[in-house]
Amino acid sequence: GGLTLAWAPQPAPIPLDRHFALDIVVCGAPVTALRVDADMPAHRHGMNYRVEVQPRGDGRFEARGLLFHMPGRWRLIFDVDAGGRTQRLTQELDVR
């Protein structure tokens, strides 16, 4: 859909059972809103916390309040409002 999203965890690597943040950059269109969440598809549950996203300007955002409370495969979910529509971008990762 023309959008590219890159993220980096703070701290890195992503800690287990401790809060962490994501530094996020979205390129391809001006972003009017960004929502971040995560879930474990195999377990059919998400996180126990709500993520707060703050814009930092020029397509940069900071997402705070993420916590992966158990090891396994997690899916990061990014809902990006840009160009008058919402696109969902996801990435799966293994957390140990």
Protein backbone atom coordinates (compact mmCIF):
# COMPACT_ATOMS: atom_id res chain seq x y z
CA GLY A 1 0.00 0.00 0.00
CA GLY A 2 2.95 2.35 -0.34
CA LEU A 3 3.80 2.61 3.37
CA THR A 4 7.03 1.48 4.96
CA LEU A 5 7.31 1.12 8.72
CA ALA A 6 10.48 0.50 10.70
CA TRP A 7 10.75 0.01 14.45
CA ALA A 8 13.41 -0.46 17.09
CA PRO A 9 12.79 -1.61 20.69
CA GLN A 10 14.03 0.30 23.72
CA PRO A 11 15.69 -1.49 25.42
CA ALA A 12 16.98 -4.00 22.89
CA PRO A 13 16.49 -6.90 22.72
CA ILE A 14 12.86 -6.92 23.82
CA PRO A 15 12.77 -8.01 27.47
CA LEU A 16 10.42 -10.70 28.73
CA ASP A 17 7.88 -9.65 31.37
CA ARG A 18 9.17 -6.04 31.51
CA HIS A 19 7.80 -2.90 29.90
CA PHE A 20 9.52 -1.64 26.77
CA ALA A 21 9.01 1.03 24.12
CA LEU A 22 9.25 1.17 20.34
CA ASP A 23 10.81 3.93 18.28
CA ILE A 24 8.82 3.90 15.02
CA VAL A 25 9.27 5.59 11.63
CA VAL A 26 6.59 5.53 8.92
CA CYS A 27 7.45 6.58 5.34
CA GLY A 28 5.33 6.83 2.21
CA ALA A 29 2.56 9.26 3.23
CA PRO A 30 1.83 11.77 5.98
CA VAL A 31 0.50 9.87 8.99
CA THR A 32 -2.48 11.36 10.83
CA ALA A 33 -2.65 8.66 13.54
CA LEU A 34 -0.84 5.50 14.61
CA ARG A 35 -2.10 2.80 16.96
CA VAL A 36 0.11 -0.01 18.24
CA ASP A 37 -0.92 -3.31 19.83
CA ALA A 38 0.38 -6.88 20.06
CA ASP A 39 -1.06 -10.35 20.44
CA MET A 40 -0.13 -14.03 20.50
CA PRO A 41 -2.06 -15.57 17.58
CA ALA A 42 -1.50 -19.18 18.71
CA HIS A 43 -2.82 -18.42 22.19
CA ARG A 44 -5.58 -16.07 21.02
CA HIS A 45 -4.79 -13.34 23.53
CA GLY A 46 -3.14 -9.97 23.54
CA MET A 47 -1.20 -7.90 26.00
CA ASN A 48 -2.56 -6.90 29.39
CA TYR A 49 -1.59 -3.24 28.83
CA ARG A 50 -2.72 -0.38 26.62
CA VAL A 51 0.00 1.19 24.47
CA GLU A 52 0.42 4.97 24.40
CA VAL A 53 1.69 6.41 21.09
CA GLN A 54 3.23 9.87 20.90
CA PRO A 55 4.07 11.60 17.60
CA ARG A 56 7.62 12.95 17.39
CA GLY A 57 7.32 14.71 14.00
CA ASP A 58 8.46 13.82 10.47
CA GLY A 59 6.78 10.39 10.53
CA ARG A 60 8.43 9.40 13.82
CA PHE A 61 6.54 8.02 16.81
CA GLU A 62 7.24 6.55 20.22
CA ALA A 63 5.04 3.73 21.56
CA ARG A 64 5.27 3.14 25.32
CA GLY A 65 3.75 0.57 27.63
CA LEU A 66 4.28 -2.67 25.72
CA LEU A 67 4.89 -5.80 27.79
CA PHE A 68 5.20 -9.38 26.57
CA HIS A 69 4.30 -11.37 29.68
CA MET A 70 5.21 -14.81 28.33
CA PRO A 71 7.72 -16.30 25.88
CA GLY A 72 6.64 -17.37 22.41
CA ARG A 73 5.50 -15.94 19.08
CA TRP A 74 4.08 -12.44 19.33
CA ARG A 75 2.63 -10.28 16.57
CA LEU A 76 3.12 -6.52 16.59
CA ILE A 77 0.13 -4.70 15.08
CA PHE A 78 0.42 -1.20 13.63
CA ASP A 79 -2.76 0.57 12.44
CA VAL A 80 -1.61 3.54 10.36
CA ASP A 81 -3.99 6.32 9.31
CA ALA A 82 -2.52 7.99 6.22
CA GLY A 83 -3.86 9.33 2.95
CA GLY A 84 -7.47 9.14 4.12
CA ARG A 85 -7.41 5.41 4.91
CA THR A 86 -6.21 2.98 7.57
CA GLN A 87 -3.64 0.31 6.82
CA ARG A 88 -2.78 -2.52 9.19
CA LEU A 89 0.86 -3.59 9.16
CA THR A 90 2.03 -6.56 11.24
CA GLN A 91 5.22 -8.35 12.09
CA GLU A 92 5.64 -11.60 14.02
CA LEU A 93 8.61 -12.23 16.28
CA ASP A 94 9.76 -14.84 18.77
CA VAL A 95 10.36 -13.62 22.31
CA ARG A 96 12.46 -15.69 24.70
